[in-house]
Amino acid sequence: MQDFIAFLVAHKTVVDPTLATFDFIRQKDGELSPVYAAVAEHMPPDVSRGFHQGSMKIPDDATWQLHEKSYAKMIEFVGRMYKAGIPLVAGTDALPGFTLQRELELYVQAGLTPAQTLQVATYNGAKYSRVLDDRGVIMQGKRADLVLVDGDPTQNISDIRKIVLVVKGDKAYFPSEIDTALGIKPFAAPIKVTGL
């Protein structure tokens, strides 16, 4: 592993771990996937039911323990890569809009601070996509794509689910309204904004 990490560092490889995507390796059929545990009660019943379907055939507890240990090693490895200076970016191939938050929680579990994790999800994404000149940080002259969170994700990364306002360019979107229209119980109470 040390040789592999050294290889990634030497080649300036940027890694998108997609840990939430690989959680399926430890999910027993009929049990709630940990990736969706924080969002399941917000979803319509037909969507929530799907969160209990395991795709691995885990025949017994001994096999499950092996899968659990393997997944824990994946998480640990992400922390080792970060500490070694391998640039990370945040992404997931799982349910769009609802699993990136779990991905960020897993980075904190891997040993990154919440603030470092937010940098991976914002600044690093822009830097390694080569668009940092107009996005990735909050400052005059950059694109006005922002989220307003009811909480402090620099202290508690799970607060990142409590988005109350999204500003994209000159448009404002209220996730509570969009979620309600889709049959999803909002993650944060609606706010009133004047002047938009």
N, C-alpha and C. Protein backbone atom coordinates (compact mmCIF):
# COMPACT_ATOMS: atom_id res chain seq x y z
N MET A 1 0.82 -1.20 0.00
CA MET A 1 0.00 0.00 0.00
C MET A 1 0.86 1.25 0.00
N GLN A 2 1.96 1.22 0.75
CA GLN A 2 2.82 2.40 0.78
C GLN A 2 3.39 2.70 -0.60
N ASP A 3 3.76 1.64 -1.35
CA ASP A 3 4.26 1.84 -2.71
C ASP A 3 3.17 2.42 -3.61
N PHE A 4 1.95 1.94 -3.44
CA PHE A 4 0.83 2.44 -4.24
C PHE A 4 0.57 3.91 -3.94
N ILE A 5 0.58 4.27 -2.65
CA ILE A 5 0.38 5.67 -2.26
C ILE A 5 1.50 6.53 -2.84
N ALA A 6 2.75 6.05 -2.75
CA ALA A 6 3.88 6.80 -3.30
C ALA A 6 3.72 6.98 -4.81
N PHE A 7 3.22 5.96 -5.49
CA PHE A 7 2.98 6.04 -6.93
C PHE A 7 1.95 7.12 -7.24
N LEU A 8 0.84 7.15 -6.48
CA LEU A 8 -0.20 8.16 -6.70
C LEU A 8 0.35 9.57 -6.46
N VAL A 9 1.15 9.71 -5.40
CA VAL A 9 1.75 11.02 -5.11
C VAL A 9 2.67 11.44 -6.24
N ALA A 10 3.54 10.51 -6.67
CA ALA A 10 4.52 10.83 -7.72
C ALA A 10 3.85 11.22 -9.03
N HIS A 11 2.71 10.62 -9.31
CA HIS A 11 2.02 10.91 -10.57
C HIS A 11 0.96 12.01 -10.42
N LYS A 12 0.91 12.63 -9.25
CA LYS A 12 -0.04 13.72 -8.98
C LYS A 12 -1.47 13.30 -9.33
N THR A 13 -1.82 12.10 -8.93
CA THR A 13 -3.13 11.54 -9.22
C THR A 13 -4.18 12.14 -8.29
N VAL A 14 -5.28 12.56 -8.85
CA VAL A 14 -6.42 13.07 -8.08
C VAL A 14 -7.41 11.91 -7.95
N VAL A 15 -7.91 11.69 -6.73
CA VAL A 15 -8.77 10.53 -6.46
C VAL A 15 -10.16 10.99 -6.03
N ASP A 16 -11.16 10.41 -6.65
CA ASP A 16 -12.56 10.56 -6.24
C ASP A 16 -12.97 9.22 -5.64
N PRO A 17 -12.94 9.08 -4.31
CA PRO A 17 -13.11 7.77 -3.69
C PRO A 17 -14.48 7.11 -3.89
N THR A 18 -15.53 7.85 -4.03
CA THR A 18 -16.90 7.34 -4.15
C THR A 18 -17.19 6.26 -3.11
N LEU A 19 -16.86 6.54 -1.86
CA LEU A 19 -17.08 5.57 -0.78
C LEU A 19 -18.55 5.19 -0.62
N ALA A 20 -19.43 6.17 -0.74
CA ALA A 20 -20.86 5.88 -0.56
C ALA A 20 -21.34 4.88 -1.60
N THR A 21 -20.79 4.94 -2.78
CA THR A 21 -21.17 4.02 -3.85
C THR A 21 -20.84 2.58 -3.50
N PHE A 22 -19.72 2.39 -2.80
CA PHE A 22 -19.26 1.03 -2.49
C PHE A 22 -19.81 0.47 -1.18
N ASP A 23 -20.67 1.22 -0.52
CA ASP A 23 -21.27 0.72 0.72
C ASP A 23 -22.07 -0.57 0.49
N PHE A 24 -22.49 -0.81 -0.75
CA PHE A 24 -23.29 -2.00 -1.06
C PHE A 24 -22.57 -3.29 -0.67
N ILE A 25 -21.25 -3.27 -0.57
CA ILE A 25 -20.54 -4.53 -0.28
C ILE A 25 -20.84 -5.05 1.12
N ARG A 26 -21.36 -4.19 2.00
CA ARG A 26 -21.63 -4.64 3.37
C ARG A 26 -23.12 -4.68 3.72
N GLN A 27 -23.98 -4.42 2.76
CA GLN A 27 -25.41 -4.37 3.05
C GLN A 27 -26.06 -5.74 2.90
N LYS A 28 -26.65 -6.19 4.00
CA LYS A 28 -27.43 -7.43 3.96
C LYS A 28 -28.79 -7.13 3.35
N ASP A 29 -29.30 -8.06 2.58
CA ASP A 29 -30.63 -7.89 1.98
C ASP A 29 -31.66 -7.77 3.10
N GLY A 30 -32.55 -6.81 2.98
CA GLY A 30 -33.59 -6.60 3.98
C GLY A 30 -33.22 -5.59 5.05
N GLU A 31 -31.97 -5.18 5.10
CA GLU A 31 -31.54 -4.18 6.09
C GLU A 31 -31.32 -2.84 5.39
N LEU A 32 -31.53 -1.77 6.12
CA LEU A 32 -31.38 -0.43 5.58
C LEU A 32 -29.92 -0.14 5.30
N SER A 33 -29.63 0.31 4.09
CA SER A 33 -28.27 0.70 3.72
C SER A 33 -27.85 1.90 4.56
N PRO A 34 -26.66 1.85 5.16
CA PRO A 34 -26.18 3.00 5.93
C PRO A 34 -26.06 4.27 5.08
N VAL A 35 -25.87 4.13 3.77
CA VAL A 35 -25.77 5.30 2.89
C VAL A 35 -27.07 6.10 2.91
N TYR A 36 -28.19 5.40 3.05
CA TYR A 36 -29.49 6.06 2.97
C TYR A 36 -30.18 6.21 4.33
N ALA A 37 -29.51 5.82 5.40
CA ALA A 37 -30.13 5.86 6.72
C ALA A 37 -30.62 7.26 7.10
N ALA A 38 -29.85 8.28 6.78
CA ALA A 38 -30.22 9.65 7.15
C ALA A 38 -31.30 10.25 6.26
N VAL A 39 -31.58 9.61 5.12
CA VAL A 39 -32.57 10.19 4.20
C VAL A 39 -33.80 9.32 4.03
N ALA A 40 -33.76 8.08 4.48
CA ALA A 40 -34.85 7.13 4.22
C ALA A 40 -36.21 7.62 4.70
N GLU A 41 -36.26 8.18 5.90
CA GLU A 41 -37.57 8.62 6.43
C GLU A 41 -38.11 9.85 5.71
N HIS A 42 -37.29 10.50 4.93
CA HIS A 42 -37.73 11.68 4.16
C HIS A 42 -38.33 11.30 2.81
N MET A 43 -38.04 10.10 2.35
CA MET A 43 -38.41 9.69 1.01
C MET A 43 -39.80 9.07 0.95
N PRO A 44 -40.42 9.09 -0.23
CA PRO A 44 -41.68 8.37 -0.39
C PRO A 44 -41.45 6.88 -0.13
N PRO A 45 -42.48 6.16 0.34
CA PRO A 45 -42.31 4.75 0.69
C PRO A 45 -41.74 3.87 -0.41
N ASP A 46 -42.12 4.11 -1.66
CA ASP A 46 -41.61 3.25 -2.74
C ASP A 46 -40.11 3.43 -2.94
N VAL A 47 -39.61 4.64 -2.71
CA VAL A 47 -38.17 4.89 -2.82
C VAL A 47 -37.45 4.31 -1.60
N SER A 48 -38.01 4.56 -0.42
CA SER A 48 -37.40 4.09 0.82
C SER A 48 -37.28 2.56 0.86
N ARG A 49 -38.26 1.86 0.31
CA ARG A 49 -38.19 0.40 0.28
C ARG A 49 -36.94 -0.10 -0.44
N GLY A 50 -36.57 0.58 -1.50
CA GLY A 50 -35.39 0.18 -2.27
C GLY A 50 -34.10 0.29 -1.48
N PHE A 51 -34.09 1.09 -0.42
CA PHE A 51 -32.89 1.24 0.39
C PHE A 51 -32.61 0.01 1.25
N HIS A 52 -33.54 -0.94 1.24
CA HIS A 52 -33.40 -2.17 2.04
C HIS A 52 -33.00 -3.37 1.19
N GLN A 53 -32.72 -3.13 -0.07
CA GLN A 53 -32.39 -4.24 -0.96
C GLN A 53 -30.89 -4.34 -1.14
N GLY A 54 -30.32 -5.40 -0.58
CA GLY A 54 -28.90 -5.64 -0.74
C GLY A 54 -28.62 -6.32 -2.06
N SER A 55 -27.49 -5.99 -2.66
CA SER A 55 -27.14 -6.62 -3.94
C SER A 55 -26.10 -7.72 -3.78
N MET A 56 -25.47 -7.77 -2.61
CA MET A 56 -24.50 -8.83 -2.34
C MET A 56 -25.22 -9.99 -1.67
N LYS A 57 -24.81 -11.17 -2.00
CA LYS A 57 -25.38 -12.34 -1.32
C LYS A 57 -24.47 -12.65 -0.13
N ILE A 58 -24.86 -12.14 1.01
CA ILE A 58 -24.07 -12.32 2.23
C ILE A 58 -24.73 -13.44 3.03
N PRO A 59 -24.17 -14.65 3.00
CA PRO A 59 -24.86 -15.81 3.55
C PRO A 59 -24.88 -15.92 5.07
N ASP A 60 -23.91 -15.29 5.76
CA ASP A 60 -23.86 -15.47 7.22
C ASP A 60 -23.12 -14.29 7.86
N ASP A 61 -23.14 -14.27 9.19
CA ASP A 61 -22.51 -13.16 9.91
C ASP A 61 -21.00 -13.12 9.72
N ALA A 62 -20.35 -14.27 9.60
CA ALA A 62 -18.90 -14.30 9.39
C ALA A 62 -18.54 -13.61 8.07
N THR A 63 -19.31 -13.87 7.04
CA THR A 63 -19.06 -13.23 5.74
C THR A 63 -19.35 -11.74 5.84
N TRP A 64 -20.42 -11.39 6.54
CA TRP A 64 -20.75 -9.97 6.72
C TRP A 64 -19.62 -9.25 7.45
N GLN A 65 -19.06 -9.88 8.48
CA GLN A 65 -17.96 -9.27 9.22
C GLN A 65 -16.77 -8.99 8.30
N LEU A 66 -16.49 -9.93 7.40
CA LEU A 66 -15.41 -9.74 6.44
C LEU A 66 -15.69 -8.55 5.52
N HIS A 67 -16.93 -8.45 5.06
CA HIS A 67 -17.31 -7.32 4.20
C HIS A 67 -17.23 -6.00 4.98
N GLU A 68 -17.66 -6.03 6.22
CA GLU A 68 -17.62 -4.85 7.07
C GLU A 68 -16.17 -4.37 7.28
N LYS A 69 -15.28 -5.31 7.55
CA LYS A 69 -13.86 -4.97 7.73
C LYS A 69 -13.26 -4.43 6.43
N SER A 70 -13.64 -5.00 5.32
CA SER A 70 -13.14 -4.54 4.03
C SER A 70 -13.56 -3.09 3.78
N TYR A 71 -14.82 -2.79 4.08
CA TYR A 71 -15.31 -1.43 3.88
C TYR A 71 -14.60 -0.45 4.81
N ALA A 72 -14.39 -0.86 6.05
CA ALA A 72 -13.67 -0.01 7.00
C ALA A 72 -12.26 0.29 6.49
N LYS A 73 -11.63 -0.68 5.86
CA LYS A 73 -10.29 -0.48 5.28
C LYS A 73 -10.34 0.52 4.12
N MET A 74 -11.42 0.48 3.33
CA MET A 74 -11.57 1.45 2.25
C MET A 74 -11.62 2.87 2.82
N ILE A 75 -12.39 3.03 3.88
CA ILE A 75 -12.51 4.35 4.52
C ILE A 75 -11.16 4.78 5.07
N GLU A 76 -10.50 3.88 5.75
CA GLU A 76 -9.18 4.17 6.32
C GLU A 76 -8.19 4.57 5.23
N PHE A 77 -8.25 3.90 4.09
CA PHE A 77 -7.33 4.18 2.99
C PHE A 77 -7.51 5.60 2.46
N VAL A 78 -8.75 6.08 2.43
CA VAL A 78 -9.00 7.46 1.99
C VAL A 78 -8.28 8.43 2.93
N GLY A 79 -8.35 8.19 4.22
CA GLY A 79 -7.63 9.03 5.17
C GLY A 79 -6.12 8.97 4.96
N ARG A 80 -5.60 7.80 4.69
CA ARG A 80 -4.16 7.64 4.44
C ARG A 80 -3.75 8.40 3.17
N MET A 81 -4.58 8.33 2.13
CA MET A 81 -4.26 9.06 0.91
C MET A 81 -4.22 10.56 1.18
N TYR A 82 -5.21 11.06 1.90
CA TYR A 82 -5.28 12.49 2.18
C TYR A 82 -4.05 12.94 2.97
N LYS A 83 -3.70 12.18 4.00
CA LYS A 83 -2.54 12.54 4.82
C LYS A 83 -1.24 12.49 4.02
N ALA A 84 -1.19 11.65 3.00
CA ALA A 84 0.01 11.55 2.16
C ALA A 84 0.09 12.67 1.13
N GLY A 85 -0.96 13.48 1.02
CA GLY A 85 -0.96 14.59 0.09
C GLY A 85 -1.60 14.30 -1.25
N ILE A 86 -2.30 13.19 -1.35
CA ILE A 86 -3.01 12.87 -2.59
C ILE A 86 -4.27 13.72 -2.64
N PRO A 87 -4.46 14.50 -3.69
CA PRO A 87 -5.64 15.35 -3.77
C PRO A 87 -6.91 14.50 -3.92
N LEU A 88 -7.92 14.85 -3.15
CA LEU A 88 -9.22 14.19 -3.23
C LEU A 88 -10.24 15.17 -3.80
N VAL A 89 -11.21 14.62 -4.51
CA VAL A 89 -12.40 15.36 -4.92
C VAL A 89 -13.60 14.52 -4.47
N ALA A 90 -14.73 15.17 -4.28
CA ALA A 90 -15.89 14.48 -3.74
C ALA A 90 -16.92 14.17 -4.82
N GLY A 91 -17.33 12.93 -4.87
CA GLY A 91 -18.37 12.52 -5.80
C GLY A 91 -18.93 11.18 -5.39
N THR A 92 -20.01 10.82 -6.03
CA THR A 92 -20.61 9.52 -5.78
C THR A 92 -21.43 9.13 -7.00
N ASP A 93 -21.54 7.85 -7.22
CA ASP A 93 -22.36 7.35 -8.32
C ASP A 93 -23.71 6.87 -7.80
N ALA A 94 -23.99 7.12 -6.53
CA ALA A 94 -25.24 6.68 -5.93
C ALA A 94 -26.31 7.76 -6.15
N LEU A 95 -27.43 7.68 -5.46
CA LEU A 95 -28.61 8.52 -5.67
C LEU A 95 -28.26 10.02 -5.69
N PRO A 96 -28.38 10.68 -6.85
CA PRO A 96 -28.02 12.10 -6.96
C PRO A 96 -28.82 12.97 -6.00
N GLY A 97 -28.13 13.91 -5.37
CA GLY A 97 -28.78 14.86 -4.48
C GLY A 97 -28.93 14.39 -3.06
N PHE A 98 -28.70 13.11 -2.80
CA PHE A 98 -28.95 12.59 -1.46
C PHE A 98 -27.80 11.75 -0.89
N THR A 99 -26.79 11.45 -1.68
CA THR A 99 -25.71 10.60 -1.16
C THR A 99 -24.37 11.32 -1.07
N LEU A 100 -24.21 12.46 -1.71
CA LEU A 100 -22.96 13.17 -1.57
C LEU A 100 -22.73 13.56 -0.11
N GLN A 101 -23.81 13.88 0.59
CA GLN A 101 -23.69 14.23 2.00
C GLN A 101 -23.10 13.07 2.81
N ARG A 102 -23.54 11.84 2.51
CA ARG A 102 -22.98 10.67 3.19
C ARG A 102 -21.51 10.49 2.81
N GLU A 103 -21.19 10.76 1.56
CA GLU A 103 -19.79 10.69 1.11
C GLU A 103 -18.92 11.61 1.96
N LEU A 104 -19.40 12.82 2.21
CA LEU A 104 -18.64 13.77 3.02
C LEU A 104 -18.51 13.30 4.47
N GLU A 105 -19.57 12.70 5.00
CA GLU A 105 -19.49 12.14 6.36
C GLU A 105 -18.42 11.05 6.43
N LEU A 106 -18.30 10.26 5.38
CA LEU A 106 -17.31 9.19 5.36
C LEU A 106 -15.89 9.75 5.30
N TYR A 107 -15.69 10.90 4.66
CA TYR A 107 -14.36 11.52 4.67
C TYR A 107 -13.98 11.95 6.09
N VAL A 108 -14.96 12.47 6.82
CA VAL A 108 -14.70 12.83 8.21
C VAL A 108 -14.39 11.56 9.01
N GLN A 109 -15.11 10.51 8.76
CA GLN A 109 -14.83 9.24 9.42
C GLN A 109 -13.42 8.75 9.07
N ALA A 110 -12.94 9.09 7.88
CA ALA A 110 -11.59 8.69 7.44
C ALA A 110 -10.50 9.51 8.10
N GLY A 111 -10.89 10.59 8.78
CA GLY A 111 -9.90 11.39 9.51
C GLY A 111 -9.77 12.83 9.07
N LEU A 112 -10.47 13.24 8.01
CA LEU A 112 -10.45 14.64 7.61
C LEU A 112 -11.33 15.43 8.57
N THR A 113 -11.01 16.69 8.77
CA THR A 113 -11.90 17.54 9.56
C THR A 113 -13.09 17.92 8.68
N PRO A 114 -14.18 18.36 9.28
CA PRO A 114 -15.29 18.83 8.45
C PRO A 114 -14.87 19.96 7.49
N ALA A 115 -14.04 20.87 7.95
CA ALA A 115 -13.60 21.97 7.08
C ALA A 115 -12.76 21.44 5.90
N GLN A 116 -11.88 20.50 6.17
CA GLN A 116 -11.09 19.90 5.08
C GLN A 116 -12.00 19.19 4.09
N THR A 117 -13.01 18.53 4.62
CA THR A 117 -13.96 17.82 3.77
C THR A 117 -14.72 18.78 2.87
N LEU A 118 -15.14 19.91 3.40
CA LEU A 118 -15.83 20.92 2.59
C LEU A 118 -14.90 21.48 1.51
N GLN A 119 -13.63 21.62 1.83
CA GLN A 119 -12.67 22.08 0.82
C GLN A 119 -12.53 21.05 -0.29
N VAL A 120 -12.50 19.78 0.07
CA VAL A 120 -12.44 18.71 -0.94
C VAL A 120 -13.66 18.81 -1.87
N ALA A 121 -14.83 19.08 -1.29
CA ALA A 121 -16.08 19.10 -2.06
C ALA A 121 -16.27 20.37 -2.90
N THR A 122 -15.54 21.42 -2.59
CA THR A 122 -15.76 22.69 -3.29
C THR A 122 -14.50 23.14 -4.04
N TYR A 123 -13.54 23.61 -3.30
CA TYR A 123 -12.31 24.14 -3.87
C TYR A 123 -11.58 23.09 -4.72
N ASN A 124 -11.40 21.88 -4.17
CA ASN A 124 -10.68 20.85 -4.92
C ASN A 124 -11.41 20.48 -6.21
N GLY A 125 -12.72 20.39 -6.13
CA GLY A 125 -13.48 20.06 -7.33
C GLY A 125 -13.23 21.07 -8.44
N ALA A 126 -13.22 22.35 -8.08
CA ALA A 126 -12.97 23.40 -9.07
C ALA A 126 -11.51 23.39 -9.53
N LYS A 127 -10.60 23.23 -8.59
CA LYS A 127 -9.17 23.25 -8.93
C LYS A 127 -8.80 22.13 -9.90
N TYR A 128 -9.23 20.91 -9.58
CA TYR A 128 -8.80 19.78 -10.39
C TYR A 128 -9.67 19.57 -11.64
N SER A 129 -10.74 20.35 -11.74
CA SER A 129 -11.50 20.39 -12.99
C SER A 129 -11.04 21.55 -13.86
N ARG A 130 -10.07 22.28 -13.34
CA ARG A 130 -9.47 23.44 -14.03
C ARG A 130 -10.47 24.57 -14.30
N VAL A 131 -11.33 24.81 -13.32
CA VAL A 131 -12.28 25.92 -13.45
C VAL A 131 -12.21 26.86 -12.23
N LEU A 132 -11.10 26.79 -11.50
CA LEU A 132 -10.96 27.58 -10.28
C LEU A 132 -10.96 29.09 -10.57
N ASP A 133 -10.68 29.48 -11.80
CA ASP A 133 -10.67 30.91 -12.12
C ASP A 133 -12.03 31.57 -11.97
N ASP A 134 -13.13 30.78 -12.05
CA ASP A 134 -14.44 31.42 -11.91
C ASP A 134 -15.36 30.75 -10.89
N ARG A 135 -14.86 29.77 -10.16
CA ARG A 135 -15.70 29.12 -9.13
C ARG A 135 -14.83 28.39 -8.12
N GLY A 136 -15.47 27.85 -7.08
CA GLY A 136 -14.74 27.06 -6.08
C GLY A 136 -14.49 27.79 -4.78
N VAL A 137 -14.59 29.12 -4.81
CA VAL A 137 -14.43 29.93 -3.60
C VAL A 137 -15.46 31.05 -3.64
N ILE A 138 -15.73 31.62 -2.48
CA ILE A 138 -16.67 32.74 -2.40
C ILE A 138 -15.88 34.03 -2.43
N MET A 139 -15.99 34.75 -3.53
CA MET A 139 -15.36 36.06 -3.64
C MET A 139 -15.92 36.82 -4.85
N GLN A 140 -15.73 38.12 -4.83
CA GLN A 140 -16.25 38.96 -5.90
C GLN A 140 -15.66 38.51 -7.23
N GLY A 141 -16.53 38.45 -8.25
CA GLY A 141 -16.10 38.08 -9.58
C GLY A 141 -16.25 36.59 -9.89
N LYS A 142 -16.55 35.79 -8.88
CA LYS A 142 -16.74 34.36 -9.10
C LYS A 142 -18.22 34.08 -9.34
N ARG A 143 -18.52 32.92 -9.87
CA ARG A 143 -19.91 32.54 -10.08
C ARG A 143 -20.66 32.52 -8.73
N ALA A 144 -21.90 32.94 -8.77
CA ALA A 144 -22.69 33.04 -7.54
C ALA A 144 -23.50 31.78 -7.32
N ASP A 145 -22.85 30.65 -7.24
CA ASP A 145 -23.52 29.40 -6.93
C ASP A 145 -23.23 29.06 -5.48
N LEU A 146 -24.24 29.23 -4.62
CA LEU A 146 -24.05 29.07 -3.18
C LEU A 146 -25.19 28.27 -2.59
N VAL A 147 -24.93 27.68 -1.43
CA VAL A 147 -25.99 27.07 -0.64
C VAL A 147 -25.96 27.69 0.76
N LEU A 148 -27.14 27.88 1.32
CA LEU A 148 -27.28 28.37 2.69
C LEU A 148 -27.72 27.18 3.53
N VAL A 149 -26.96 26.90 4.58
CA VAL A 149 -27.19 25.72 5.41
C VAL A 149 -27.69 26.15 6.77
N ASP A 150 -28.69 25.47 7.29
CA ASP A 150 -29.20 25.71 8.64
C ASP A 150 -28.35 24.88 9.61
N GLY A 151 -27.21 25.40 9.96
CA GLY A 151 -26.27 24.70 10.82
C GLY A 151 -24.86 25.13 10.49
N ASP A 152 -23.90 24.38 11.00
CA ASP A 152 -22.50 24.70 10.78
C ASP A 152 -21.75 23.44 10.36
N PRO A 153 -21.70 23.17 9.05
CA PRO A 153 -21.03 21.96 8.59
C PRO A 153 -19.52 21.96 8.82
N THR A 154 -18.94 23.12 9.20
CA THR A 154 -17.51 23.11 9.55
C THR A 154 -17.29 22.47 10.92
N GLN A 155 -18.36 22.36 11.68
CA GLN A 155 -18.30 21.69 12.98
C GLN A 155 -18.97 20.31 12.94
N ASN A 156 -20.10 20.23 12.25
CA ASN A 156 -20.85 18.98 12.13
C ASN A 156 -21.18 18.77 10.65
N ILE A 157 -20.42 17.93 10.00
CA ILE A 157 -20.56 17.75 8.56
C ILE A 157 -21.97 17.29 8.18
N SER A 158 -22.67 16.64 9.08
CA SER A 158 -24.03 16.17 8.77
C SER A 158 -25.00 17.33 8.55
N ASP A 159 -24.65 18.52 9.05
CA ASP A 159 -25.50 19.69 8.81
C ASP A 159 -25.62 20.03 7.32
N ILE A 160 -24.75 19.47 6.50
CA ILE A 160 -24.77 19.76 5.07
C ILE A 160 -26.08 19.32 4.40
N ARG A 161 -26.82 18.46 5.07
CA ARG A 161 -28.13 18.05 4.54
C ARG A 161 -29.20 19.12 4.74
N LYS A 162 -28.98 20.06 5.62
CA LYS A 162 -29.99 21.04 6.00
C LYS A 162 -29.90 22.30 5.13
N ILE A 163 -30.01 22.12 3.84
CA ILE A 163 -29.90 23.24 2.91
C ILE A 163 -31.26 23.95 2.83
N VAL A 164 -31.24 25.25 3.09
CA VAL A 164 -32.49 26.02 3.08
C VAL A 164 -32.62 26.92 1.86
N LEU A 165 -31.50 27.18 1.18
CA LEU A 165 -31.54 28.06 0.02
C LEU A 165 -30.38 27.70 -0.90
N VAL A 166 -30.67 27.67 -2.19
CA VAL A 166 -29.64 27.49 -3.21
C VAL A 166 -29.70 28.70 -4.12
N VAL A 167 -28.55 29.34 -4.33
CA VAL A 167 -28.47 30.46 -5.25
C VAL A 167 -27.58 30.00 -6.41
N LYS A 168 -28.15 30.00 -7.60
CA LYS A 168 -27.40 29.64 -8.80
C LYS A 168 -27.52 30.81 -9.76
N GLY A 169 -26.40 31.49 -9.95
CA GLY A 169 -26.43 32.69 -10.77
C GLY A 169 -27.33 33.73 -10.13
N ASP A 170 -28.35 34.15 -10.86
CA ASP A 170 -29.27 35.16 -10.32
C ASP A 170 -30.61 34.55 -9.90
N LYS A 171 -30.66 33.25 -9.72
CA LYS A 171 -31.90 32.56 -9.33
C LYS A 171 -31.75 31.95 -7.94
N ALA A 172 -32.84 31.99 -7.18
CA ALA A 172 -32.88 31.38 -5.85
C ALA A 172 -33.83 30.19 -5.87
N TYR A 173 -33.42 29.12 -5.25
CA TYR A 173 -34.24 27.91 -5.16
C TYR A 173 -34.35 27.52 -3.69
N PHE A 174 -35.55 27.05 -3.34
CA PHE A 174 -35.81 26.64 -1.97
C PHE A 174 -36.01 25.13 -1.93
N PRO A 175 -35.03 24.39 -1.42
CA PRO A 175 -35.14 22.93 -1.41
C PRO A 175 -36.40 22.41 -0.72
N SER A 176 -36.88 23.12 0.31
CA SER A 176 -38.10 22.63 0.99
C SER A 176 -39.28 22.61 0.03
N GLU A 177 -39.37 23.58 -0.86
CA GLU A 177 -40.46 23.62 -1.84
C GLU A 177 -40.29 22.51 -2.89
N ILE A 178 -39.07 22.35 -3.36
CA ILE A 178 -38.80 21.33 -4.37
C ILE A 178 -39.03 19.94 -3.79
N ASP A 179 -38.50 19.70 -2.58
CA ASP A 179 -38.68 18.39 -1.93
C ASP A 179 -40.16 18.08 -1.74
N THR A 180 -40.91 19.05 -1.23
CA THR A 180 -42.34 18.83 -0.99
C THR A 180 -43.06 18.48 -2.29
N ALA A 181 -42.74 19.18 -3.36
CA ALA A 181 -43.37 18.91 -4.66
C ALA A 181 -43.06 17.50 -5.16
N LEU A 182 -41.92 16.95 -4.74
CA LEU A 182 -41.52 15.60 -5.17
C LEU A 182 -41.95 14.52 -4.18
N GLY A 183 -42.67 14.91 -3.13
CA GLY A 183 -43.11 13.94 -2.14
C GLY A 183 -42.03 13.57 -1.13
N ILE A 184 -41.05 14.44 -0.99
CA ILE A 184 -39.94 14.23 -0.05
C ILE A 184 -40.13 15.16 1.13
N LYS A 185 -40.00 14.62 2.33
CA LYS A 185 -40.08 15.44 3.53
C LYS A 185 -38.82 16.31 3.60
N PRO A 186 -38.98 17.65 3.66
CA PRO A 186 -37.81 18.53 3.66
C PRO A 186 -36.83 18.23 4.80
N PHE A 187 -35.57 18.52 4.56
CA PHE A 187 -34.51 18.29 5.53
C PHE A 187 -34.30 19.51 6.43
N ALA A 188 -34.83 20.65 6.03
CA ALA A 188 -34.74 21.87 6.82
C ALA A 188 -36.03 22.65 6.64
N ALA A 189 -36.36 23.40 7.65
CA ALA A 189 -37.59 24.22 7.59
C ALA A 189 -37.43 25.30 6.53
N PRO A 190 -38.55 25.62 5.85
CA PRO A 190 -38.47 26.69 4.84
C PRO A 190 -38.11 28.02 5.47
N ILE A 191 -37.49 28.87 4.69
CA ILE A 191 -37.17 30.21 5.17
C ILE A 191 -37.87 31.22 4.28
N LYS A 192 -38.04 32.42 4.82
CA LYS A 192 -38.62 33.50 4.04
C LYS A 192 -37.49 34.44 3.66
N VAL A 193 -37.42 34.73 2.38
CA VAL A 193 -36.40 35.63 1.89
C VAL A 193 -37.10 36.75 1.14
N THR A 194 -36.70 37.97 1.41
CA THR A 194 -37.29 39.10 0.69
C THR A 194 -36.22 39.70 -0.21
N GLY A 195 -36.67 40.28 -1.27
CA GLY A 195 -35.77 40.99 -2.17
C GLY A 195 -35.14 40.12 -3.23
N LEU A 196 -35.58 38.87 -3.37
CA LEU A 196 -35.01 38.02 -4.42
C LEU A 196 -35.94 37.96 -5.61
